[in-house]
N, C-alpha and C. Protein backbone atom coordinates (compact mmCIF):
# COMPACT_ATOMS: atom_id res chain seq x y z
N UNK A 1 -30.45 9.77 -54.19
CA UNK A 1 -31.19 8.85 -55.13
C UNK A 1 -32.52 8.62 -54.93
N UNK A 2 -33.17 8.70 -55.79
CA UNK A 2 -34.66 8.44 -55.45
C UNK A 2 -35.05 6.95 -55.37
N UNK A 3 -35.79 6.54 -54.00
CA UNK A 3 -36.17 4.91 -53.79
C UNK A 3 -36.88 4.60 -54.76
N UNK A 4 -36.79 3.20 -55.60
CA UNK A 4 -37.40 2.72 -56.65
C UNK A 4 -38.44 1.58 -56.21
N UNK A 5 -39.37 1.44 -55.92
CA UNK A 5 -40.40 0.03 -55.49
C UNK A 5 -40.68 -0.25 -57.11
N UNK A 6 -40.78 -1.67 -56.74
CA UNK A 6 -41.32 -2.60 -57.62
C UNK A 6 -42.80 -2.63 -57.68
N UNK A 7 -43.45 -3.20 -58.71
CA UNK A 7 -44.84 -3.24 -58.81
C UNK A 7 -45.51 -4.46 -57.96
N UNK A 8 -46.38 -4.55 -57.30
CA UNK A 8 -46.66 -5.42 -56.48
C UNK A 8 -48.51 -6.05 -56.80
N UNK A 9 -48.88 -6.96 -56.13
CA UNK A 9 -50.48 -6.79 -56.18
C UNK A 9 -50.78 -7.21 -54.64
N UNK A 10 -52.06 -6.49 -54.97
CA UNK A 10 -52.73 -6.48 -53.66
C UNK A 10 -54.32 -6.95 -53.52
N UNK A 11 -54.64 -7.95 -53.16
CA UNK A 11 -55.44 -8.91 -52.93
C UNK A 11 -56.98 -8.28 -52.28
N UNK A 12 -58.14 -7.90 -53.30
CA UNK A 12 -58.89 -7.28 -52.03
C UNK A 12 -60.38 -8.66 -53.13
N UNK A 13 -59.97 -9.80 -52.61
CA UNK A 13 -60.48 -10.57 -53.50
C UNK A 13 -62.06 -10.81 -52.82
N UNK A 14 -63.12 -11.69 -53.72
CA UNK A 14 -63.95 -12.41 -53.45
C UNK A 14 -63.88 -13.64 -52.54
N UNK A 15 -62.82 -14.18 -52.57
CA UNK A 15 -62.58 -15.33 -52.02
C UNK A 15 -61.89 -14.85 -50.38
N UNK A 16 -61.31 -13.89 -50.23
CA UNK A 16 -60.73 -13.09 -49.13
C UNK A 16 -59.94 -14.48 -48.39
N UNK A 17 -59.27 -15.05 -49.13
CA UNK A 17 -58.09 -15.92 -48.84
C UNK A 17 -56.91 -14.84 -47.76
N UNK A 18 -57.21 -15.12 -46.90
CA UNK A 18 -55.82 -15.07 -45.98
C UNK A 18 -55.27 -13.74 -45.97
N UNK A 19 -56.46 -12.76 -45.69
CA UNK A 19 -56.06 -11.21 -45.82
C UNK A 19 -56.84 -10.29 -44.46
N UNK A 20 -56.25 -9.35 -44.15
CA UNK A 20 -56.83 -8.92 -42.79
C UNK A 20 -58.48 -8.55 -43.11
N UNK A 21 -59.00 -8.84 -42.14
CA UNK A 21 -60.14 -8.38 -41.77
C UNK A 21 -60.80 -7.99 -40.87
N UNK A 22 -61.71 -6.93 -40.87
CA UNK A 22 -62.19 -6.12 -39.39
C UNK A 22 -63.80 -6.52 -39.48
N UNK A 23 -64.40 -7.28 -38.29
CA UNK A 23 -65.96 -7.64 -38.21
C UNK A 23 -66.14 -8.43 -39.79
N UNK A 24 -65.56 -8.96 -40.17
CA UNK A 24 -65.57 -10.47 -41.03
C UNK A 24 -65.63 -9.82 -42.16
N UNK A 25 -65.11 -8.30 -42.64
CA UNK A 25 -65.13 -7.89 -44.19
C UNK A 25 -63.48 -7.64 -44.08
N UNK A 26 -63.03 -7.32 -45.27
CA UNK A 26 -61.58 -7.04 -45.56
C UNK A 26 -61.34 -5.28 -44.89
N UNK A 27 -60.31 -5.39 -44.64
CA UNK A 27 -60.17 -4.18 -43.72
C UNK A 27 -59.43 -3.25 -44.77
N UNK A 28 -60.26 -2.33 -45.29
CA UNK A 28 -60.00 -1.58 -46.39
C UNK A 28 -58.84 -0.46 -45.98
N UNK A 29 -59.37 -0.31 -44.79
CA UNK A 29 -58.78 0.74 -44.02
C UNK A 29 -57.07 0.74 -43.85
N UNK A 30 -56.97 -0.44 -43.44
CA UNK A 30 -55.74 -1.12 -43.00
C UNK A 30 -54.92 -1.14 -44.36
N UNK A 31 -55.37 -1.57 -45.44
CA UNK A 31 -55.09 -2.10 -46.59
C UNK A 31 -54.35 -0.79 -47.18
N UNK A 32 -55.12 0.78 -47.18
CA UNK A 32 -54.78 1.76 -48.02
C UNK A 32 -53.78 2.14 -47.35
N UNK A 33 -53.57 2.08 -46.04
CA UNK A 33 -52.69 2.56 -45.36
C UNK A 33 -51.13 1.78 -45.40
N UNK A 34 -51.22 0.62 -45.36
CA UNK A 34 -49.96 -0.34 -45.83
C UNK A 34 -49.94 0.20 -47.05
N UNK A 35 -50.48 0.21 -48.04
CA UNK A 35 -49.99 0.61 -49.53
C UNK A 35 -49.66 2.24 -49.93
N UNK A 36 -50.26 2.99 -49.19
CA UNK A 36 -49.79 4.66 -48.93
C UNK A 36 -48.47 4.20 -48.07
N UNK A 37 -48.25 4.01 -47.44
CA UNK A 37 -46.80 3.82 -46.43
C UNK A 37 -45.58 3.04 -47.05
N UNK A 38 -46.13 2.64 -48.06
CA UNK A 38 -45.16 1.22 -49.07
C UNK A 38 -44.34 2.39 -49.94
N UNK A 39 -43.50 1.68 -50.17
CA UNK A 39 -42.23 2.32 -51.10
C UNK A 39 -42.95 1.87 -52.66
N UNK A 40 -43.51 0.82 -52.79
CA UNK A 40 -43.92 0.34 -53.81
C UNK A 40 -45.28 1.68 -54.48
N UNK A 41 -44.71 1.83 -55.89
CA UNK A 41 -45.79 3.08 -56.46
C UNK A 41 -46.83 2.20 -57.60
N UNK A 42 -46.64 1.32 -57.85
CA UNK A 42 -47.77 0.85 -58.69
C UNK A 42 -47.85 -0.71 -58.22
N UNK A 43 -49.36 -0.80 -57.82
CA UNK A 43 -50.38 -1.97 -57.55
C UNK A 43 -51.52 -2.33 -58.11
N UNK A 44 -51.14 -3.77 -58.30
CA UNK A 44 -52.44 -4.12 -59.17
C UNK A 44 -53.51 -4.68 -58.03
N UNK A 45 -54.44 -3.88 -58.09
CA UNK A 45 -55.63 -4.55 -56.91
C UNK A 45 -56.72 -5.92 -57.81
N UNK A 46 -55.86 -7.12 -57.16
CA UNK A 46 -56.06 -8.33 -57.65
C UNK A 46 -58.03 -8.80 -56.91
N UNK A 47 -58.77 -9.31 -57.78
CA UNK A 47 -59.99 -10.41 -57.46
C UNK A 47 -59.93 -11.24 -58.51
N UNK A 48 -60.71 -12.21 -57.99
CA UNK A 48 -60.93 -13.43 -58.86
C UNK A 48 -61.92 -13.25 -59.88
N UNK A 49 -62.03 -13.05 -61.03
CA UNK A 49 -63.13 -13.32 -62.22
C UNK A 49 -63.92 -12.14 -62.26
N UNK A 50 -63.51 -11.39 -61.40
CA UNK A 50 -64.53 -9.78 -60.97
C UNK A 50 -63.60 -8.31 -61.43
N UNK A 51 -63.98 -7.54 -61.07
CA UNK A 51 -63.53 -6.40 -61.13
C UNK A 51 -64.14 -5.30 -59.86
N UNK A 52 -65.27 -5.63 -59.50
CA UNK A 52 -65.89 -5.13 -58.72
C UNK A 52 -65.26 -4.89 -57.13
N UNK A 53 -64.76 -5.57 -56.55
CA UNK A 53 -63.96 -5.42 -55.24
C UNK A 53 -62.98 -4.47 -55.80
N UNK A 54 -62.16 -4.50 -56.60
CA UNK A 54 -61.28 -3.99 -57.35
C UNK A 54 -61.25 -2.47 -57.52
N UNK A 55 -62.56 -2.11 -58.28
CA UNK A 55 -62.83 -0.54 -58.76
C UNK A 55 -63.61 -0.26 -57.37
N UNK A 56 -63.84 -0.85 -56.48
CA UNK A 56 -64.51 0.08 -55.51
C UNK A 56 -63.38 0.41 -54.11
N UNK A 57 -62.35 -0.80 -54.39
CA UNK A 57 -61.22 -0.22 -53.26
C UNK A 57 -60.29 0.83 -53.64
N UNK A 58 -60.10 0.62 -55.08
CA UNK A 58 -59.44 2.06 -55.77
C UNK A 58 -60.12 3.29 -55.51
N UNK A 59 -61.18 3.21 -55.62
CA UNK A 59 -62.45 4.49 -55.30
C UNK A 59 -62.27 4.96 -53.82
N UNK A 60 -62.41 3.78 -53.05
CA UNK A 60 -62.00 4.17 -51.52
C UNK A 60 -60.69 5.03 -50.99
N UNK A 61 -59.40 4.35 -51.89
CA UNK A 61 -58.05 4.50 -51.66
C UNK A 61 -57.76 5.95 -52.17
N UNK A 62 -58.63 6.37 -53.15
CA UNK A 62 -58.36 7.69 -53.87
C UNK A 62 -59.04 8.82 -52.60
N UNK A 63 -60.29 8.29 -52.04
CA UNK A 63 -60.79 9.19 -51.39
C UNK A 63 -59.81 9.14 -49.92
N UNK A 64 -59.73 7.98 -49.61
CA UNK A 64 -58.58 8.56 -48.14
C UNK A 64 -57.14 9.07 -48.53
N UNK A 65 -56.43 8.77 -49.67
CA UNK A 65 -55.45 9.46 -49.66
C UNK A 65 -55.66 10.35 -51.28
N UNK A 66 -56.31 11.35 -51.56
CA UNK A 66 -56.47 11.88 -52.55
C UNK A 66 -55.13 12.41 -53.47
N UNK A 67 -54.30 13.04 -52.62
CA UNK A 67 -52.87 13.80 -53.33
C UNK A 67 -52.07 12.31 -53.29
N UNK A 68 -52.27 10.94 -53.10
CA UNK A 68 -51.20 9.96 -53.42
C UNK A 68 -50.56 9.85 -54.86
N UNK A 69 -49.66 9.51 -55.42
CA UNK A 69 -48.91 9.63 -56.27
C UNK A 69 -48.99 8.01 -56.59
N UNK A 70 -49.73 7.07 -56.27
CA UNK A 70 -49.67 5.52 -56.27
C UNK A 70 -50.45 5.58 -57.29
N UNK A 71 -50.19 4.47 -58.16
CA UNK A 71 -51.21 4.19 -59.33
C UNK A 71 -51.60 2.78 -59.01
N UNK A 72 -52.44 2.92 -58.82
CA UNK A 72 -53.70 1.27 -58.38
C UNK A 72 -54.36 1.16 -59.60
N UNK A 73 -54.20 -0.35 -60.03
CA UNK A 73 -54.52 -0.86 -61.16
C UNK A 73 -55.42 -1.97 -60.99
N UNK A 74 -56.87 -2.20 -61.62
CA UNK A 74 -57.56 -3.19 -61.48
C UNK A 74 -56.96 -4.22 -62.23
N UNK A 75 -56.91 -5.65 -61.69
CA UNK A 75 -55.97 -6.75 -61.98
C UNK A 75 -57.41 -7.98 -61.71
N UNK A 76 -57.56 -8.49 -62.90
CA UNK A 76 -58.82 -9.32 -62.99
C UNK A 76 -57.75 -11.03 -63.07
N UNK A 77 -58.03 -12.00 -61.69
CA UNK A 77 -57.11 -13.15 -62.11
C UNK A 77 -58.15 -14.09 -62.41
N UNK A 78 -57.61 -15.02 -63.26
CA UNK A 78 -58.22 -15.84 -64.16
C UNK A 78 -57.37 -17.25 -64.26
N UNK A 79 -58.36 -18.40 -64.02
CA UNK A 79 -57.28 -19.82 -64.08
C UNK A 79 -57.75 -20.09 -65.50
N UNK A 80 -56.80 -20.79 -66.00
CA UNK A 80 -57.13 -21.71 -67.33
C UNK A 80 -57.70 -23.11 -67.01
N UNK A 81 -58.24 -23.69 -67.67
CA UNK A 81 -58.70 -25.25 -67.48
C UNK A 81 -57.92 -26.07 -67.82
N UNK A 82 -56.89 -25.71 -67.71
CA UNK A 82 -55.42 -27.04 -67.94
C UNK A 82 -54.51 -26.99 -67.17
N UNK A 83 -54.16 -27.90 -66.71
CA UNK A 83 -52.67 -28.16 -66.04
C UNK A 83 -51.49 -28.52 -66.66
N UNK A 84 -50.31 -28.16 -65.82
CA UNK A 84 -49.15 -27.98 -66.25
C UNK A 84 -48.33 -28.67 -65.65
N UNK A 85 -48.97 -29.63 -64.66
CA UNK A 85 -47.68 -30.60 -64.04
C UNK A 85 -48.52 -31.72 -63.81
N UNK A 86 -47.95 -32.48 -63.39
CA UNK A 86 -48.72 -34.08 -62.75
C UNK A 86 -49.38 -34.03 -61.75
N UNK A 87 -49.06 -32.66 -60.85
CA UNK A 87 -49.90 -32.33 -59.60
C UNK A 87 -50.72 -31.78 -60.17
N UNK A 88 -51.35 -31.21 -61.81
CA UNK A 88 -52.43 -30.98 -61.90
C UNK A 88 -53.20 -29.50 -61.53
N UNK A 89 -52.16 -28.58 -61.07
CA UNK A 89 -51.80 -27.32 -61.05
C UNK A 89 -52.44 -26.71 -61.90
N UNK A 90 -53.67 -25.73 -61.86
CA UNK A 90 -54.06 -24.98 -62.94
C UNK A 90 -53.20 -23.63 -62.92
N UNK A 91 -53.41 -22.85 -64.59
CA UNK A 91 -52.64 -22.21 -64.83
C UNK A 91 -53.29 -20.76 -64.42
N UNK A 92 -52.71 -19.79 -63.52
CA UNK A 92 -53.71 -18.78 -63.33
C UNK A 92 -52.96 -17.68 -64.27
N UNK A 93 -53.56 -16.69 -64.83
CA UNK A 93 -52.91 -15.42 -65.52
C UNK A 93 -53.95 -14.39 -64.88
N UNK A 94 -53.00 -13.07 -65.00
CA UNK A 94 -53.95 -11.92 -64.18
C UNK A 94 -53.92 -10.81 -65.75
N UNK A 95 -55.17 -10.15 -65.51
CA UNK A 95 -55.26 -9.12 -66.54
C UNK A 95 -55.47 -7.79 -66.04
N UNK A 96 -54.19 -6.98 -66.05
CA UNK A 96 -54.49 -5.41 -65.79
C UNK A 96 -54.93 -4.55 -66.51
N UNK A 97 -55.55 -3.95 -66.39
CA UNK A 97 -56.55 -2.90 -66.86
C UNK A 97 -55.23 -1.45 -66.78
N UNK A 98 -54.89 -0.77 -67.84
CA UNK A 98 -54.36 0.52 -67.56
C UNK A 98 -55.64 1.58 -67.31
N UNK A 99 -54.83 2.59 -66.28
CA UNK A 99 -55.89 3.25 -65.27
C UNK A 99 -56.99 4.27 -66.46
N UNK A 100 -56.78 4.31 -67.65
CA UNK A 100 -57.23 5.00 -68.56
C UNK A 100 -58.76 3.95 -68.97
N UNK A 101 -58.46 2.75 -68.62
CA UNK A 101 -59.96 2.10 -69.39
C UNK A 101 -61.10 1.99 -68.39
N UNK A 102 -62.06 2.51 -68.68
CA UNK A 102 -63.27 2.81 -67.97
C UNK A 102 -64.29 1.70 -67.17
N UNK A 103 -64.39 1.85 -66.06
CA UNK A 103 -65.12 0.62 -65.36
C UNK A 103 -66.04 0.20 -66.56
N UNK A 104 -67.12 0.89 -67.50
CA UNK A 104 -67.70 0.48 -68.02
C UNK A 104 -67.20 -0.81 -69.19
N UNK A 105 -66.02 -0.32 -69.26
CA UNK A 105 -65.45 -1.03 -70.61
C UNK A 105 -64.83 -2.56 -69.81
N UNK A 106 -64.27 -2.23 -68.53
CA UNK A 106 -63.80 -3.50 -67.75
C UNK A 106 -65.00 -4.43 -67.51
N UNK A 107 -66.48 -3.64 -67.19
CA UNK A 107 -67.27 -4.83 -67.44
C UNK A 107 -67.68 -5.39 -68.00
N UNK A 108 -67.79 -4.51 -69.33
CA UNK A 108 -68.20 -5.00 -70.82
C UNK A 108 -67.22 -6.31 -70.65
N UNK A 109 -66.22 -6.26 -70.71
CA UNK A 109 -64.80 -7.41 -71.33
C UNK A 109 -65.18 -8.82 -70.13
N UNK A 110 -65.49 -8.37 -69.18
CA UNK A 110 -66.00 -9.38 -68.21
C UNK A 110 -67.10 -10.27 -68.57
N UNK A 111 -68.61 -8.93 -68.67
CA UNK A 111 -69.38 -9.75 -69.25
C UNK A 111 -69.44 -10.64 -70.49
N UNK A 112 -68.75 -10.35 -71.29
CA UNK A 112 -68.32 -11.23 -72.43
C UNK A 112 -67.24 -12.45 -72.73
N UNK A 113 -66.68 -12.09 -71.75
CA UNK A 113 -65.82 -13.84 -71.30
C UNK A 113 -66.66 -14.62 -70.82
N UNK A 114 -66.43 -15.60 -71.13
CA UNK A 114 -67.18 -16.77 -70.97
C UNK A 114 -66.21 -18.13 -69.93
N UNK A 115 -66.92 -18.45 -69.49
CA UNK A 115 -66.14 -19.49 -68.16
C UNK A 115 -66.80 -20.82 -68.48
N UNK A 116 -66.33 -21.76 -67.98
CA UNK A 116 -66.58 -23.05 -67.90
C UNK A 116 -67.27 -23.69 -67.22
N UNK A 117 -68.09 -22.38 -66.52
CA UNK A 117 -69.18 -23.03 -65.24
C UNK A 117 -70.46 -22.41 -66.23
N UNK A 118 -71.39 -23.52 -66.05
CA UNK A 118 -73.07 -23.31 -66.48
C UNK A 118 -73.82 -23.28 -65.83
N UNK A 119 -75.21 -22.33 -66.12
CA UNK A 119 -76.21 -22.04 -65.22
C UNK A 119 -76.92 -23.50 -65.54
N UNK A 120 -78.44 -23.27 -64.58
CA UNK A 120 -79.13 -24.40 -64.90
C UNK A 120 -79.86 -24.96 -66.39
N UNK A 121 -79.54 -24.18 -67.34
CA UNK A 121 -80.15 -24.60 -69.04
C UNK A 121 -78.58 -24.80 -69.84
N UNK A 122 -77.51 -24.82 -68.87
CA UNK A 122 -76.47 -25.43 -69.73
C UNK A 122 -75.50 -24.26 -70.32
N UNK A 123 -75.91 -22.98 -70.57
CA UNK A 123 -75.35 -21.96 -71.17
C UNK A 123 -74.20 -21.60 -69.87
N UNK A 124 -72.88 -21.44 -70.62
CA UNK A 124 -71.66 -21.09 -69.95
C UNK A 124 -72.10 -19.28 -69.22
N UNK A 125 -71.94 -19.38 -68.00
CA UNK A 125 -71.67 -17.87 -67.25
C UNK A 125 -70.39 -17.24 -67.84
N UNK A 126 -70.69 -15.74 -67.86
CA UNK A 126 -69.50 -15.40 -68.04
C UNK A 126 -69.11 -14.76 -66.70
N UNK A 127 -67.86 -14.22 -66.87
CA UNK A 127 -67.03 -14.05 -65.60
C UNK A 127 -68.06 -12.75 -64.77
N UNK A 128 -68.84 -12.34 -65.37
CA UNK A 128 -69.34 -10.96 -64.74
C UNK A 128 -70.54 -11.62 -63.83
N UNK A 129 -71.35 -12.98 -64.20
CA UNK A 129 -72.24 -13.74 -63.68
C UNK A 129 -72.04 -14.97 -63.04
N UNK A 130 -70.82 -14.92 -62.08
CA UNK A 130 -70.42 -15.88 -61.27
C UNK A 130 -70.70 -15.18 -60.03
N UNK A 131 -70.78 -16.45 -59.09
CA UNK A 131 -71.51 -15.76 -57.91
C UNK A 131 -71.14 -16.99 -56.75
N UNK A 132 -70.61 -16.77 -55.45
CA UNK A 132 -71.11 -17.30 -54.53
C UNK A 132 -69.67 -18.46 -54.89
N UNK A 133 -69.76 -19.52 -54.66
CA UNK A 133 -68.65 -20.43 -54.87
C UNK A 133 -68.16 -21.05 -56.09
N UNK A 134 -69.13 -19.97 -57.15
CA UNK A 134 -68.13 -20.13 -58.58
C UNK A 134 -66.84 -20.10 -58.94
N UNK A 135 -66.27 -19.00 -57.85
CA UNK A 135 -64.82 -18.43 -57.83
C UNK A 135 -64.23 -19.42 -57.54
N UNK A 136 -64.32 -20.32 -56.88
CA UNK A 136 -63.67 -21.35 -56.33
C UNK A 136 -63.17 -22.76 -57.25
N UNK A 137 -64.24 -22.34 -58.59
CA UNK A 137 -64.05 -23.26 -59.53
C UNK A 137 -63.66 -22.99 -60.92
N UNK A 138 -64.05 -21.84 -61.03
CA UNK A 138 -64.48 -21.47 -62.12
C UNK A 138 -63.22 -21.07 -63.16
N UNK A 139 -62.98 -21.66 -64.61
CA UNK A 139 -61.97 -21.61 -65.42
C UNK A 139 -62.27 -20.85 -66.75
N UNK A 140 -61.62 -20.53 -67.32
CA UNK A 140 -61.38 -19.85 -68.96
C UNK A 140 -60.78 -20.87 -69.75
N UNK A 141 -61.21 -21.08 -71.14
CA UNK A 141 -60.20 -21.93 -71.76
C UNK A 141 -59.45 -20.22 -72.56
N UNK A 142 -58.20 -21.62 -73.21
CA UNK A 142 -57.11 -20.53 -73.49
C UNK A 142 -57.53 -20.07 -74.79
N UNK A 143 -58.59 -21.12 -75.46
CA UNK A 143 -59.11 -20.63 -76.91
C UNK A 143 -59.83 -19.51 -76.76
N UNK A 144 -60.98 -19.45 -75.94
CA UNK A 144 -61.76 -18.27 -75.91
C UNK A 144 -61.28 -17.42 -75.35
N UNK A 145 -59.85 -17.42 -74.42
CA UNK A 145 -59.41 -16.09 -73.66
C UNK A 145 -58.90 -15.39 -74.71
N UNK A 146 -58.19 -16.19 -75.75
CA UNK A 146 -57.65 -15.27 -76.78
C UNK A 146 -58.11 -14.77 -77.62
N UNK A 147 -59.55 -15.71 -78.14
CA UNK A 147 -60.16 -14.52 -79.11
C UNK A 147 -61.07 -13.61 -78.67
N UNK A 148 -61.10 -13.75 -76.93
CA UNK A 148 -61.75 -12.44 -76.10
C UNK A 148 -60.76 -11.23 -76.51
N UNK A 149 -59.54 -11.69 -76.40
CA UNK A 149 -58.57 -10.50 -76.12
C UNK A 149 -58.39 -9.92 -77.86
N UNK A 150 -58.66 -10.97 -78.50
CA UNK A 150 -58.29 -10.28 -80.27
C UNK A 150 -59.47 -9.80 -80.50
N UNK A 151 -60.61 -9.82 -80.41
CA UNK A 151 -61.71 -8.94 -80.38
C UNK A 151 -61.70 -7.66 -79.92
N UNK A 152 -60.53 -7.08 -78.92
CA UNK A 152 -60.24 -5.85 -78.88
C UNK A 152 -61.58 -5.43 -77.83
N UNK A 153 -62.13 -5.88 -76.78
CA UNK A 153 -62.89 -5.69 -76.01
C UNK A 153 -62.38 -4.27 -74.83
N UNK A 154 -61.29 -4.49 -75.03
CA UNK A 154 -60.93 -3.48 -74.24
C UNK A 154 -59.40 -3.09 -75.39
N UNK A 155 -59.15 -1.42 -75.24
CA UNK A 155 -58.30 -0.90 -76.32
C UNK A 155 -57.30 -1.14 -75.79
N UNK A 156 -56.45 -1.77 -76.97
CA UNK A 156 -55.09 -2.01 -76.91
C UNK A 156 -53.96 -0.86 -76.81
N UNK A 157 -52.88 -1.18 -75.73
CA UNK A 157 -52.07 0.05 -75.48
C UNK A 157 -51.49 0.70 -76.92
N UNK A 158 -51.17 1.79 -76.49
CA UNK A 158 -50.70 2.90 -77.70
C UNK A 158 -49.60 2.50 -77.90
N UNK A 159 -49.35 2.41 -79.08
CA UNK A 159 -47.67 2.40 -79.58
C UNK A 159 -47.14 4.06 -79.84
N UNK A 160 -46.11 4.09 -79.47
CA UNK A 160 -45.34 5.53 -79.66
C UNK A 160 -45.25 5.51 -81.27
N UNK A 161 -45.26 6.58 -81.74
CA UNK A 161 -45.05 6.97 -83.26
C UNK A 161 -43.61 6.97 -83.37
N UNK A 162 -43.28 6.33 -84.35
CA UNK A 162 -41.68 6.14 -84.48
C UNK A 162 -41.04 6.84 -85.84
């Protein structure tokens, strides 16, 4: 009987909180080996409000393991600007992009999704415009996120013909 792994998330985050480092940077070589030797077949490579590190890591992984049958997906983690409990914990949600979605479409999606962070002229920054400590405090609203998804900035999943 074939061994079946579950989908998991692997973080290559701008915040780099708690992941293996080599010379002060994320240790992509070790992460690639751990993923390749894992029984997990599908992984979301996660970053906060960005896809750059995820896309770069997936490219790195594919050059290191060109014959791998693993499916690595870009996974962007976002935070809503609302809490759901008395501890005021914010809601985090993940946007997983199919492997058929181009880098340009992913970047376009993030360029058009506004956050609650503003620049010096009080204009809301998009996810793609965040930098430095913005990632620690950025949020999106439920309404703008929903509208953004409804605009179909990224192709919706295809439905099988019935």
